[in-house]
């Protein structure tokens, strides 16, 4: 066993607690089982309603704002609350209906693969 695998095993063993059958899991193990960046429902108590769905906005631990729908799916992330509030209804609409380019703008498609030698 390498040093790294011994280290990882010791770190995880200190966090993980084996629960006896029929007992409730400890608070520490519940926190380990949940995703770190997913907000809890009680934090998202202010939902805004649009024709395309409801959303809430939360300040993340990194100092940016993120909007979430009722199923706690991340929608839009931005630097200011106002920017996230104004773009989230557009995101919900485009997710449902598809994006339509503004009048007079050509419809463009882009390729995410870089072709040719750099």
PDB file of N, CA and C in Angstrom:
ATOM      1  N   UNK A   1       0.850  -1.176   0.000  1.00  0.00           N
ATOM      2  CA  UNK A   1       0.000   0.000   0.000  1.00  0.00           C
ATOM      3  C   UNK A   1       0.890   1.232   0.000  1.00  0.00           C
ATOM      4  N   UNK A   2       0.615   2.157  -0.884  1.00  0.00           N
ATOM      5  CA  UNK A   2       1.444   3.351  -1.000  1.00  0.00           C
ATOM      6  C   UNK A   2       1.087   4.354   0.094  1.00  0.00           C
ATOM      7  N   UNK A   3       1.960   5.324   0.243  1.00  0.00           N
ATOM      8  CA  UNK A   3       1.727   6.360   1.246  1.00  0.00           C
ATOM      9  C   UNK A   3       0.424   7.098   0.962  1.00  0.00           C
ATOM     10  N   UNK A   4       0.188   7.418  -0.313  1.00  0.00           N
ATOM     11  CA  UNK A   4      -1.016   8.160  -0.677  1.00  0.00           C
ATOM     12  C   UNK A   4      -2.278   7.387  -0.322  1.00  0.00           C
ATOM     13  N   UNK A   5      -2.342   6.106  -0.646  1.00  0.00           N
ATOM     14  CA  UNK A   5      -3.543   5.328  -0.346  1.00  0.00           C
ATOM     15  C   UNK A   5      -3.737   5.179   1.161  1.00  0.00           C
ATOM     16  N   UNK A   6      -2.648   5.069   1.928  1.00  0.00           N
ATOM     17  CA  UNK A   6      -2.769   5.018   3.385  1.00  0.00           C
ATOM     18  C   UNK A   6      -3.311   6.343   3.925  1.00  0.00           C
ATOM     19  N   UNK A   7      -2.813   7.441   3.366  1.00  0.00           N
ATOM     20  CA  UNK A   7      -3.269   8.752   3.788  1.00  0.00           C
ATOM     21  C   UNK A   7      -4.756   8.934   3.505  1.00  0.00           C
ATOM     22  N   UNK A   8      -5.178   8.595   2.286  1.00  0.00           N
ATOM     23  CA  UNK A   8      -6.583   8.738   1.904  1.00  0.00           C
ATOM     24  C   UNK A   8      -7.460   7.863   2.793  1.00  0.00           C
ATOM     25  N   UNK A   9      -7.016   6.650   3.056  1.00  0.00           N
ATOM     26  CA  UNK A   9      -7.795   5.745   3.908  1.00  0.00           C
ATOM     27  C   UNK A   9      -7.927   6.301   5.318  1.00  0.00           C
ATOM     28  N   UNK A  10      -6.852   6.890   5.845  1.00  0.00           N
ATOM     29  CA  UNK A  10      -6.925   7.442   7.204  1.00  0.00           C
ATOM     30  C   UNK A  10      -7.837   8.666   7.264  1.00  0.00           C
ATOM     31  N   UNK A  11      -7.808   9.491   6.219  1.00  0.00           N
ATOM     32  CA  UNK A  11      -8.663  10.678   6.203  1.00  0.00           C
ATOM     33  C   UNK A  11     -10.127  10.272   6.122  1.00  0.00           C
ATOM     34  N   UNK A  12     -10.464   9.365   5.203  1.00  0.00           N
ATOM     35  CA  UNK A  12     -11.848   8.944   5.068  1.00  0.00           C
ATOM     36  C   UNK A  12     -12.340   8.179   6.280  1.00  0.00           C
ATOM     37  N   UNK A  13     -11.485   7.390   6.897  1.00  0.00           N
ATOM     38  CA  UNK A  13     -11.930   6.641   8.067  1.00  0.00           C
ATOM     39  C   UNK A  13     -12.234   7.575   9.241  1.00  0.00           C
ATOM     40  N   UNK A  14     -11.550   8.722   9.296  1.00  0.00           N
ATOM     41  CA  UNK A  14     -11.841   9.656  10.379  1.00  0.00           C
ATOM     42  C   UNK A  14     -13.177  10.366  10.169  1.00  0.00           C
ATOM     43  N   UNK A  15     -13.620  10.503   8.909  1.00  0.00           N
ATOM     44  CA  UNK A  15     -14.891  11.159   8.626  1.00  0.00           C
ATOM     45  C   UNK A  15     -16.071  10.204   8.615  1.00  0.00           C
ATOM     46  N   UNK A  16     -15.860   9.024   8.153  1.00  0.00           N
ATOM     47  CA  UNK A  16     -16.970   8.086   8.003  1.00  0.00           C
ATOM     48  C   UNK A  16     -17.179   7.333   9.318  1.00  0.00           C
ATOM     49  N   UNK A  17     -18.430   7.230   9.716  1.00  0.00           N
ATOM     50  CA  UNK A  17     -18.768   6.491  10.916  1.00  0.00           C
ATOM     51  C   UNK A  17     -19.732   5.398  10.517  1.00  0.00           C
ATOM     52  N   UNK A  18     -19.448   4.197  10.988  1.00  0.00           N
ATOM     53  CA  UNK A  18     -20.361   3.105  10.678  1.00  0.00           C
ATOM     54  C   UNK A  18     -21.530   3.148  11.645  1.00  0.00           C
ATOM     55  N   UNK A  19     -22.730   3.216  11.091  1.00  0.00           N
ATOM     56  CA  UNK A  19     -23.926   3.259  11.927  1.00  0.00           C
ATOM     57  C   UNK A  19     -24.400   1.842  12.207  1.00  0.00           C
ATOM     58  N   UNK A  20     -24.890   1.632  13.398  1.00  0.00           N
ATOM     59  CA  UNK A  20     -25.467   0.349  13.757  1.00  0.00           C
ATOM     60  C   UNK A  20     -26.792   0.177  13.021  1.00  0.00           C
ATOM     61  N   UNK A  21     -27.150  -1.044  12.642  1.00  0.00           N
ATOM     62  CA  UNK A  21     -28.429  -1.235  11.968  1.00  0.00           C
ATOM     63  C   UNK A  21     -29.581  -0.765  12.856  1.00  0.00           C
ATOM     64  N   UNK A  22     -30.506  -0.028  12.257  1.00  0.00           N
ATOM     65  CA  UNK A  22     -31.668   0.467  12.986  1.00  0.00           C
ATOM     66  C   UNK A  22     -31.449   1.787  13.679  1.00  0.00           C
ATOM     67  N   UNK A  23     -30.258   2.399  13.546  1.00  0.00           N
ATOM     68  CA  UNK A  23     -30.012   3.694  14.173  1.00  0.00           C
ATOM     69  C   UNK A  23     -30.011   4.776  13.108  1.00  0.00           C
ATOM     70  N   UNK A  24     -30.227   5.993  13.546  1.00  0.00           N
ATOM     71  CA  UNK A  24     -30.218   7.127  12.629  1.00  0.00           C
ATOM     72  C   UNK A  24     -28.776   7.485  12.297  1.00  0.00           C
ATOM     73  N   UNK A  25     -28.501   7.932  11.062  1.00  0.00           N
ATOM     74  CA  UNK A  25     -27.147   8.371  10.742  1.00  0.00           C
ATOM     75  C   UNK A  25     -26.798   9.641  11.507  1.00  0.00           C
ATOM     76  N   UNK A  26     -25.520   9.821  11.779  1.00  0.00           N
ATOM     77  CA  UNK A  26     -25.091  11.000  12.525  1.00  0.00           C
ATOM     78  C   UNK A  26     -25.188  12.234  11.635  1.00  0.00           C
ATOM     79  N   UNK A  27     -25.160  13.396  12.259  1.00  0.00           N
ATOM     80  CA  UNK A  27     -25.229  14.658  11.520  1.00  0.00           C
ATOM     81  C   UNK A  27     -24.024  14.795  10.595  1.00  0.00           C
ATOM     82  N   UNK A  28     -22.856  14.361  11.031  1.00  0.00           N
ATOM     83  CA  UNK A  28     -21.652  14.454  10.201  1.00  0.00           C
ATOM     84  C   UNK A  28     -21.780  13.599   8.950  1.00  0.00           C
ATOM     85  N   UNK A  29     -22.316  12.403   9.073  1.00  0.00           N
ATOM     86  CA  UNK A  29     -22.445  11.554   7.895  1.00  0.00           C
ATOM     87  C   UNK A  29     -23.528  12.073   6.958  1.00  0.00           C
ATOM     88  N   UNK A  30     -24.570  12.738   7.481  1.00  0.00           N
ATOM     89  CA  UNK A  30     -25.581  13.341   6.611  1.00  0.00           C
ATOM     90  C   UNK A  30     -24.976  14.464   5.787  1.00  0.00           C
ATOM     91  N   UNK A  31     -24.102  15.265   6.403  1.00  0.00           N
ATOM     92  CA  UNK A  31     -23.463  16.353   5.676  1.00  0.00           C
ATOM     93  C   UNK A  31     -22.534  15.820   4.605  1.00  0.00           C
ATOM     94  N   UNK A  32     -21.869  14.697   4.848  1.00  0.00           N
ATOM     95  CA  UNK A  32     -20.989  14.115   3.843  1.00  0.00           C
ATOM     96  C   UNK A  32     -21.779  13.571   2.662  1.00  0.00           C
ATOM     97  N   UNK A  33     -23.004  13.102   2.898  1.00  0.00           N
ATOM     98  CA  UNK A  33     -23.791  12.503   1.834  1.00  0.00           C
ATOM     99  C   UNK A  33     -24.430  13.540   0.924  1.00  0.00           C
ATOM    100  N   UNK A  34     -24.605  14.773   1.397  1.00  0.00           N
ATOM    101  CA  UNK A  34     -25.230  15.795   0.565  1.00  0.00           C
ATOM    102  C   UNK A  34     -24.172  16.523  -0.236  1.00  0.00           C
ATOM    103  N   UNK A  35     -24.578  17.056  -1.394  1.00  0.00           N
ATOM    104  CA  UNK A  35     -23.653  17.814  -2.216  1.00  0.00           C
ATOM    105  C   UNK A  35     -23.381  19.142  -1.531  1.00  0.00           C
ATOM    106  N   UNK A  36     -22.123  19.563  -1.511  1.00  0.00           N
ATOM    107  CA  UNK A  36     -21.721  20.751  -0.782  1.00  0.00           C
ATOM    108  C   UNK A  36     -22.390  22.015  -1.287  1.00  0.00           C
ATOM    109  N   UNK A  37     -22.517  22.179  -2.586  1.00  0.00           N
ATOM    110  CA  UNK A  37     -23.001  23.432  -3.150  1.00  0.00           C
ATOM    111  C   UNK A  37     -24.506  23.468  -3.352  1.00  0.00           C
ATOM    112  N   UNK A  38     -25.224  22.422  -3.009  1.00  0.00           N
ATOM    113  CA  UNK A  38     -26.670  22.435  -3.184  1.00  0.00           C
ATOM    114  C   UNK A  38     -27.310  23.139  -1.996  1.00  0.00           C
ATOM    115  N   UNK A  39     -28.101  24.178  -2.252  1.00  0.00           N
ATOM    116  CA  UNK A  39     -28.714  24.895  -1.132  1.00  0.00           C
ATOM    117  C   UNK A  39     -29.828  24.079  -0.498  1.00  0.00           C
ATOM    118  N   UNK A  40     -30.042  24.306   0.753  1.00  0.00           N
ATOM    119  CA  UNK A  40     -31.145  23.650   1.439  1.00  0.00           C
ATOM    120  C   UNK A  40     -32.433  24.422   1.131  1.00  0.00           C
ATOM    121  N   UNK A  41     -33.570  23.723   1.126  1.00  0.00           N
ATOM    122  CA  UNK A  41     -34.834  24.350   0.745  1.00  0.00           C
ATOM    123  C   UNK A  41     -35.230  25.474   1.686  1.00  0.00           C
ATOM    124  N   UNK A  42     -34.875  25.363   2.980  1.00  0.00           N
ATOM    125  CA  UNK A  42     -35.288  26.400   3.907  1.00  0.00           C
ATOM    126  C   UNK A  42     -34.550  27.711   3.646  1.00  0.00           C
ATOM    127  N   UNK A  43     -33.388  27.660   3.014  1.00  0.00           N
ATOM    128  CA  UNK A  43     -32.653  28.876   2.677  1.00  0.00           C
ATOM    129  C   UNK A  43     -33.332  29.586   1.516  1.00  0.00           C
ATOM    130  N   UNK A  44     -33.895  28.830   0.581  1.00  0.00           N
ATOM    131  CA  UNK A  44     -34.536  29.401  -0.598  1.00  0.00           C
ATOM    132  C   UNK A  44     -36.021  29.617  -0.322  1.00  0.00           C
ATOM    133  N   UNK A  45     -36.331  30.588   0.516  1.00  0.00           N
ATOM    134  CA  UNK A  45     -37.724  30.813   0.874  1.00  0.00           C
ATOM    135  C   UNK A  45     -38.397  31.865  -0.007  1.00  0.00           C
ATOM    136  N   UNK A  46     -37.628  32.645  -0.765  1.00  0.00           N
ATOM    137  CA  UNK A  46     -38.186  33.684  -1.626  1.00  0.00           C
ATOM    138  C   UNK A  46     -38.100  33.228  -3.078  1.00  0.00           C
ATOM    139  N   UNK A  47     -39.225  32.755  -3.620  1.00  0.00           N
ATOM    140  CA  UNK A  47     -39.270  32.321  -5.022  1.00  0.00           C
ATOM    141  C   UNK A  47     -39.964  33.386  -5.854  1.00  0.00           C
ATOM    142  N   UNK A  48     -39.467  33.583  -7.068  1.00  0.00           N
ATOM    143  CA  UNK A  48     -40.050  34.516  -8.022  1.00  0.00           C
ATOM    144  C   UNK A  48     -40.736  33.694  -9.105  1.00  0.00           C
ATOM    145  N   UNK A  49     -41.913  34.128  -9.527  1.00  0.00           N
ATOM    146  CA  UNK A  49     -42.714  33.369 -10.464  1.00  0.00           C
ATOM    147  C   UNK A  49     -42.650  34.001 -11.844  1.00  0.00           C
ATOM    148  N   UNK A  50     -42.415  33.163 -12.855  1.00  0.00           N
ATOM    149  CA  UNK A  50     -42.452  33.580 -14.258  1.00  0.00           C
ATOM    150  C   UNK A  50     -43.397  32.635 -14.987  1.00  0.00           C
ATOM    151  N   UNK A  51     -43.798  32.964 -16.203  1.00  0.00           N
ATOM    152  CA  UNK A  51     -44.633  32.030 -16.965  1.00  0.00           C
ATOM    153  C   UNK A  51     -43.923  30.715 -17.291  1.00  0.00           C
ATOM    154  N   UNK A  52     -42.610  30.692 -17.150  1.00  0.00           N
ATOM    155  CA  UNK A  52     -41.833  29.508 -17.509  1.00  0.00           C
ATOM    156  C   UNK A  52     -41.335  28.723 -16.311  1.00  0.00           C
ATOM    157  N   UNK A  53     -41.660  29.161 -15.115  1.00  0.00           N
ATOM    158  CA  UNK A  53     -41.264  28.443 -13.910  1.00  0.00           C
ATOM    159  C   UNK A  53     -40.843  29.392 -12.801  1.00  0.00           C
ATOM    160  N   UNK A  54     -40.702  28.845 -11.611  1.00  0.00           N
ATOM    161  CA  UNK A  54     -40.303  29.622 -10.440  1.00  0.00           C
ATOM    162  C   UNK A  54     -38.804  29.495 -10.234  1.00  0.00           C
ATOM    163  N   UNK A  55     -38.206  30.526  -9.623  1.00  0.00           N
ATOM    164  CA  UNK A  55     -36.788  30.466  -9.302  1.00  0.00           C
ATOM    165  C   UNK A  55     -36.503  31.277  -8.051  1.00  0.00           C
ATOM    166  N   UNK A  56     -35.388  30.950  -7.411  1.00  0.00           N
ATOM    167  CA  UNK A  56     -34.908  31.682  -6.245  1.00  0.00           C
ATOM    168  C   UNK A  56     -33.442  32.020  -6.483  1.00  0.00           C
ATOM    169  N   UNK A  57     -32.954  33.041  -5.805  1.00  0.00           N
ATOM    170  CA  UNK A  57     -31.568  33.480  -5.963  1.00  0.00           C
ATOM    171  C   UNK A  57     -30.881  33.405  -4.608  1.00  0.00           C
ATOM    172  N   UNK A  58     -29.658  32.887  -4.626  1.00  0.00           N
ATOM    173  CA  UNK A  58     -28.892  32.730  -3.388  1.00  0.00           C
ATOM    174  C   UNK A  58     -27.472  33.215  -3.611  1.00  0.00           C
ATOM    175  N   UNK A  59     -26.907  33.892  -2.622  1.00  0.00           N
ATOM    176  CA  UNK A  59     -25.502  34.285  -2.637  1.00  0.00           C
ATOM    177  C   UNK A  59     -24.681  33.069  -2.245  1.00  0.00           C
ATOM    178  N   UNK A  60     -23.736  32.665  -3.079  1.00  0.00           N
ATOM    179  CA  UNK A  60     -22.934  31.475  -2.798  1.00  0.00           C
ATOM    180  C   UNK A  60     -21.747  31.833  -1.914  1.00  0.00           C
ATOM    181  N   UNK A  61     -21.040  30.834  -1.476  1.00  0.00           N
ATOM    182  CA  UNK A  61     -19.890  31.065  -0.608  1.00  0.00           C
ATOM    183  C   UNK A  61     -18.729  31.714  -1.358  1.00  0.00           C
ATOM    184  N   UNK A  62     -18.787  31.754  -2.693  1.00  0.00           N
ATOM    185  CA  UNK A  62     -17.737  32.361  -3.493  1.00  0.00           C
ATOM    186  C   UNK A  62     -18.024  33.832  -3.802  1.00  0.00           C
ATOM    187  N   UNK A  63     -19.135  34.366  -3.311  1.00  0.00           N
ATOM    188  CA  UNK A  63     -19.459  35.763  -3.511  1.00  0.00           C
ATOM    189  C   UNK A  63     -20.200  36.060  -4.798  1.00  0.00           C
ATOM    190  N   UNK A  64     -20.703  35.037  -5.476  1.00  0.00           N
ATOM    191  CA  UNK A  64     -21.506  35.241  -6.675  1.00  0.00           C
ATOM    192  C   UNK A  64     -22.930  34.789  -6.399  1.00  0.00           C
ATOM    193  N   UNK A  65     -23.854  35.203  -7.224  1.00  0.00           N
ATOM    194  CA  UNK A  65     -25.259  34.861  -7.054  1.00  0.00           C
ATOM    195  C   UNK A  65     -25.626  33.754  -8.034  1.00  0.00           C
ATOM    196  N   UNK A  66     -26.419  32.788  -7.563  1.00  0.00           N
ATOM    197  CA  UNK A  66     -26.870  31.684  -8.399  1.00  0.00           C
ATOM    198  C   UNK A  66     -28.366  31.535  -8.225  1.00  0.00           C
ATOM    199  N   UNK A  67     -29.051  31.303  -9.353  1.00  0.00           N
ATOM    200  CA  UNK A  67     -30.489  31.067  -9.289  1.00  0.00           C
ATOM    201  C   UNK A  67     -30.753  29.572  -9.377  1.00  0.00           C
ATOM    202  N   UNK A  68     -31.826  29.140  -8.717  1.00  0.00           N
ATOM    203  CA  UNK A  68     -32.217  27.739  -8.644  1.00  0.00           C
ATOM    204  C   UNK A  68     -33.705  27.629  -8.922  1.00  0.00           C
ATOM    205  N   UNK A  69     -34.116  26.511  -9.533  1.00  0.00           N
ATOM    206  CA  UNK A  69     -35.552  26.282  -9.698  1.00  0.00           C
ATOM    207  C   UNK A  69     -36.072  25.526  -8.487  1.00  0.00           C
ATOM    208  N   UNK A  70     -37.333  25.120  -8.519  1.00  0.00           N
ATOM    209  CA  UNK A  70     -37.951  24.441  -7.360  1.00  0.00           C
ATOM    210  C   UNK A  70     -37.307  23.092  -7.063  1.00  0.00           C
ATOM    211  N   UNK A  71     -36.682  22.466  -8.071  1.00  0.00           N
ATOM    212  CA  UNK A  71     -36.009  21.178  -7.862  1.00  0.00           C
ATOM    213  C   UNK A  71     -34.546  21.363  -7.474  1.00  0.00           C
ATOM    214  N   UNK A  72     -34.144  22.625  -7.180  1.00  0.00           N
ATOM    215  CA  UNK A  72     -32.783  22.998  -6.777  1.00  0.00           C
ATOM    216  C   UNK A  72     -31.757  22.731  -7.868  1.00  0.00           C
ATOM    217  N   UNK A  73     -32.166  22.923  -9.126  1.00  0.00           N
ATOM    218  CA  UNK A  73     -31.244  22.813 -10.253  1.00  0.00           C
ATOM    219  C   UNK A  73     -30.638  24.195 -10.489  1.00  0.00           C
ATOM    220  N   UNK A  74     -29.307  24.251 -10.638  1.00  0.00           N
ATOM    221  CA  UNK A  74     -28.630  25.515 -10.885  1.00  0.00           C
ATOM    222  C   UNK A  74     -29.055  26.045 -12.250  1.00  0.00           C
ATOM    223  N   UNK A  75     -29.412  27.318 -12.323  1.00  0.00           N
ATOM    224  CA  UNK A  75     -29.850  27.911 -13.586  1.00  0.00           C
ATOM    225  C   UNK A  75     -28.836  28.906 -14.127  1.00  0.00           C
ATOM    226  N   UNK A  76     -28.653  30.025 -13.429  1.00  0.00           N
ATOM    227  CA  UNK A  76     -27.786  31.103 -13.899  1.00  0.00           C
ATOM    228  C   UNK A  76     -26.893  31.542 -12.749  1.00  0.00           C
ATOM    229  N   UNK A  77     -25.639  31.842 -13.042  1.00  0.00           N
ATOM    230  CA  UNK A  77     -24.706  32.375 -12.052  1.00  0.00           C
ATOM    231  C   UNK A  77     -24.192  33.706 -12.566  1.00  0.00           C
ATOM    232  N   UNK A  78     -24.111  34.700 -11.678  1.00  0.00           N
ATOM    233  CA  UNK A  78     -23.641  36.019 -12.089  1.00  0.00           C
ATOM    234  C   UNK A  78     -23.036  36.787 -10.935  1.00  0.00           C
ATOM    235  N   UNK A  79     -22.411  37.902 -11.268  1.00  0.00           N
ATOM    236  CA  UNK A  79     -21.720  38.703 -10.273  1.00  0.00           C
ATOM    237  C   UNK A  79     -22.623  39.570  -9.419  1.00  0.00           C
ATOM    238  N   UNK A  80     -23.793  39.944  -9.952  1.00  0.00           N
ATOM    239  CA  UNK A  80     -24.710  40.783  -9.183  1.00  0.00           C
ATOM    240  C   UNK A  80     -26.086  40.133  -9.126  1.00  0.00           C
ATOM    241  N   UNK A  81     -26.839  40.489  -8.107  1.00  0.00           N
ATOM    242  CA  UNK A  81     -28.188  39.955  -7.944  1.00  0.00           C
ATOM    243  C   UNK A  81     -29.069  40.403  -9.105  1.00  0.00           C
ATOM    244  N   UNK A  82     -28.922  41.663  -9.514  1.00  0.00           N
ATOM    245  CA  UNK A  82     -29.754  42.207 -10.583  1.00  0.00           C
ATOM    246  C   UNK A  82     -29.520  41.478 -11.906  1.00  0.00           C
ATOM    247  N   UNK A  83     -28.268  41.151 -12.212  1.00  0.00           N
ATOM    248  CA  UNK A  83     -27.952  40.446 -13.459  1.00  0.00           C
ATOM    249  C   UNK A  83     -28.575  39.050 -13.467  1.00  0.00           C
ATOM    250  N   UNK A  84     -28.483  38.353 -12.347  1.00  0.00           N
ATOM    251  CA  UNK A  84     -29.066  37.005 -12.260  1.00  0.00           C
ATOM    252  C   UNK A  84     -30.581  37.086 -12.323  1.00  0.00           C
ATOM    253  N   UNK A  85     -31.165  38.091 -11.665  1.00  0.00           N
ATOM    254  CA  UNK A  85     -32.619  38.257 -11.671  1.00  0.00           C
ATOM    255  C   UNK A  85     -33.145  38.566 -13.077  1.00  0.00           C
ATOM    256  N   UNK A  86     -32.403  39.337 -13.849  1.00  0.00           N
ATOM    257  CA  UNK A  86     -32.875  39.695 -15.186  1.00  0.00           C
ATOM    258  C   UNK A  86     -32.655  38.576 -16.201  1.00  0.00           C
ATOM    259  N   UNK A  87     -31.639  37.737 -16.035  1.00  0.00           N
ATOM    260  CA  UNK A  87     -31.348  36.698 -17.025  1.00  0.00           C
ATOM    261  C   UNK A  87     -32.036  35.366 -16.750  1.00  0.00           C
ATOM    262  N   UNK A  88     -32.400  35.088 -15.517  1.00  0.00           N
ATOM    263  CA  UNK A  88     -33.015  33.793 -15.209  1.00  0.00           C
ATOM    264  C   UNK A  88     -34.339  33.580 -15.931  1.00  0.00           C
ATOM    265  N   UNK A  89     -35.261  34.549 -16.018  1.00  0.00           N
ATOM    266  CA  UNK A  89     -36.481  34.308 -16.797  1.00  0.00           C
ATOM    267  C   UNK A  89     -36.192  34.015 -18.266  1.00  0.00           C
ATOM    268  N   UNK A  90     -35.187  34.687 -18.839  1.00  0.00           N
ATOM    269  CA  UNK A  90     -34.796  34.406 -20.234  1.00  0.00           C
ATOM    270  C   UNK A  90     -34.269  32.985 -20.354  1.00  0.00           C
ATOM    271  N   UNK A  91     -33.458  32.564 -19.389  1.00  0.00           N
ATOM    272  CA  UNK A  91     -32.919  31.201 -19.412  1.00  0.00           C
ATOM    273  C   UNK A  91     -34.044  30.170 -19.335  1.00  0.00           C
ATOM    274  N   UNK A  92     -35.009  30.405 -18.465  1.00  0.00           N
ATOM    275  CA  UNK A  92     -36.133  29.476 -18.346  1.00  0.00           C
ATOM    276  C   UNK A  92     -36.946  29.418 -19.639  1.00  0.00           C
ATOM    277  N   UNK A  93     -37.160  30.573 -20.274  1.00  0.00           N
ATOM    278  CA  UNK A  93     -37.895  30.617 -21.534  1.00  0.00           C
ATOM    279  C   UNK A  93     -37.133  29.884 -22.625  1.00  0.00           C
ATOM    280  N   UNK A  94     -35.840  30.135 -22.749  1.00  0.00           N
ATOM    281  CA  UNK A  94     -35.042  29.498 -23.794  1.00  0.00           C
ATOM    282  C   UNK A  94     -34.910  28.006 -23.561  1.00  0.00           C
ATOM    283  N   UNK A  95     -34.888  27.592 -22.297  1.00  0.00           N
ATOM    284  CA  UNK A  95     -34.812  26.161 -22.005  1.00  0.00           C
ATOM    285  C   UNK A  95     -36.085  25.446 -22.451  1.00  0.00           C
ATOM    286  N   UNK A  96     -37.227  26.134 -22.365  1.00  0.00           N
ATOM    287  CA  UNK A  96     -38.501  25.513 -22.736  1.00  0.00           C
ATOM    288  C   UNK A  96     -38.783  25.639 -24.231  1.00  0.00           C
ATOM    289  N   UNK A  97     -38.583  26.831 -24.797  1.00  0.00           N
ATOM    290  CA  UNK A  97     -38.976  27.089 -26.180  1.00  0.00           C
ATOM    291  C   UNK A  97     -37.829  27.013 -27.179  1.00  0.00           C
ATOM    292  N   UNK A  98     -36.606  27.070 -26.713  1.00  0.00           N
ATOM    293  CA  UNK A  98     -35.463  27.161 -27.612  1.00  0.00           C
ATOM    294  C   UNK A  98     -35.118  28.623 -27.837  1.00  0.00           C
ATOM    295  N   UNK A  99     -33.863  28.877 -28.142  1.00  0.00           N
ATOM    296  CA  UNK A  99     -33.398  30.252 -28.312  1.00  0.00           C
ATOM    297  C   UNK A  99     -33.739  30.751 -29.709  1.00  0.00           C
ATOM    298  N   UNK A 100     -34.300  31.943 -29.791  1.00  0.00           N
ATOM    299  CA  UNK A 100     -34.582  32.613 -31.060  1.00  0.00           C
ATOM    300  C   UNK A 100     -33.721  33.876 -31.114  1.00  0.00           C
ATOM    301  N   UNK A 101     -32.951  34.027 -32.181  1.00  0.00           N
ATOM    302  CA  UNK A 101     -32.104  35.214 -32.329  1.00  0.00           C
ATOM    303  C   UNK A 101     -32.982  36.455 -32.454  1.00  0.00           C
ATOM    304  N   UNK A 102     -32.532  37.593 -31.923  1.00  0.00           N
ATOM    305  CA  UNK A 102     -33.309  38.826 -32.055  1.00  0.00           C
ATOM    306  C   UNK A 102     -33.515  39.207 -33.524  1.00  0.00           C
ATOM    307  N   UNK A 103     -34.541  39.996 -33.788  1.00  0.00           N
ATOM    308  CA  UNK A 103     -34.867  40.446 -35.145  1.00  0.00           C
ATOM    309  C   UNK A 103     -33.666  41.143 -35.773  1.00  0.00           C
ATOM    310  N   UNK A 104     -33.301  40.742 -36.977  1.00  0.00           N
ATOM    311  CA  UNK A 104     -32.188  41.353 -37.692  1.00  0.00           C
ATOM    312  C   UNK A 104     -30.839  40.718 -37.410  1.00  0.00           C
ATOM    313  N   UNK A 105     -30.768  39.814 -36.454  1.00  0.00           N
ATOM    314  CA  UNK A 105     -29.502  39.133 -36.140  1.00  0.00           C
ATOM    315  C   UNK A 105     -29.493  37.776 -36.832  1.00  0.00           C
ATOM    316  N   UNK A 106     -28.412  37.433 -37.500  1.00  0.00           N
ATOM    317  CA  UNK A 106     -28.377  36.118 -38.155  1.00  0.00           C
ATOM    318  C   UNK A 106     -28.260  34.988 -37.131  1.00  0.00           C
ATOM    319  N   UNK A 107     -28.872  33.873 -37.427  1.00  0.00           N
ATOM    320  CA  UNK A 107     -28.767  32.687 -36.560  1.00  0.00           C
ATOM    321  C   UNK A 107     -27.389  32.070 -36.789  1.00  0.00           C
ATOM    322  N   UNK A 108     -26.629  31.901 -35.725  1.00  0.00           N
ATOM    323  CA  UNK A 108     -25.266  31.383 -35.856  1.00  0.00           C
ATOM    324  C   UNK A 108     -25.135  30.096 -35.070  1.00  0.00           C
ATOM    325  N   UNK A 109     -24.336  29.220 -35.589  1.00  0.00           N
ATOM    326  CA  UNK A 109     -23.991  28.001 -34.854  1.00  0.00           C
ATOM    327  C   UNK A 109     -22.478  27.978 -34.691  1.00  0.00           C
ATOM    328  N   UNK A 110     -22.042  27.453 -33.591  1.00  0.00           N
ATOM    329  CA  UNK A 110     -20.620  27.427 -33.289  1.00  0.00           C
ATOM    330  C   UNK A 110     -20.185  25.999 -33.031  1.00  0.00           C
ATOM    331  N   UNK A 111     -18.910  25.746 -33.269  1.00  0.00           N
ATOM    332  CA  UNK A 111     -18.325  24.434 -33.059  1.00  0.00           C
ATOM    333  C   UNK A 111     -17.381  24.533 -31.862  1.00  0.00           C
ATOM    334  N   UNK A 112     -17.475  23.587 -30.948  1.00  0.00           N
ATOM    335  CA  UNK A 112     -16.629  23.640 -29.757  1.00  0.00           C
ATOM    336  C   UNK A 112     -15.284  22.958 -29.967  1.00  0.00           C
ATOM    337  N   UNK A 113     -15.036  22.435 -31.151  1.00  0.00           N
ATOM    338  CA  UNK A 113     -13.786  21.752 -31.451  1.00  0.00           C
ATOM    339  C   UNK A 113     -12.873  22.698 -32.228  1.00  0.00           C
ATOM    340  N   UNK A 114     -11.633  22.779 -31.796  1.00  0.00           N
ATOM    341  CA  UNK A 114     -10.663  23.607 -32.507  1.00  0.00           C
ATOM    342  C   UNK A 114     -10.082  22.759 -33.627  1.00  0.00           C
ATOM    343  N   UNK A 115     -10.248  23.220 -34.855  1.00  0.00           N
ATOM    344  CA  UNK A 115      -9.708  22.471 -35.973  1.00  0.00           C
ATOM    345  C   UNK A 115      -8.406  23.134 -36.434  1.00  0.00           C
ATOM    346  N   UNK A 116      -7.543  22.347 -36.987  1.00  0.00           N
ATOM    347  CA  UNK A 116      -6.264  22.874 -37.438  1.00  0.00           C
ATOM    348  C   UNK A 116      -5.237  22.834 -36.340  1.00  0.00           C
ATOM    349  N   UNK A 117      -4.020  23.079 -36.726  1.00  0.00           N
ATOM    350  CA  UNK A 117      -2.913  23.044 -35.771  1.00  0.00           C
ATOM    351  C   UNK A 117      -2.723  24.431 -35.165  1.00  0.00           C
ATOM    352  N   UNK A 118      -2.585  24.468 -33.878  1.00  0.00           N
ATOM    353  CA  UNK A 118      -2.386  25.754 -33.199  1.00  0.00           C
ATOM    354  C   UNK A 118      -0.927  26.095 -33.125  1.00  0.00           C
TER     355      UNK A 118
END
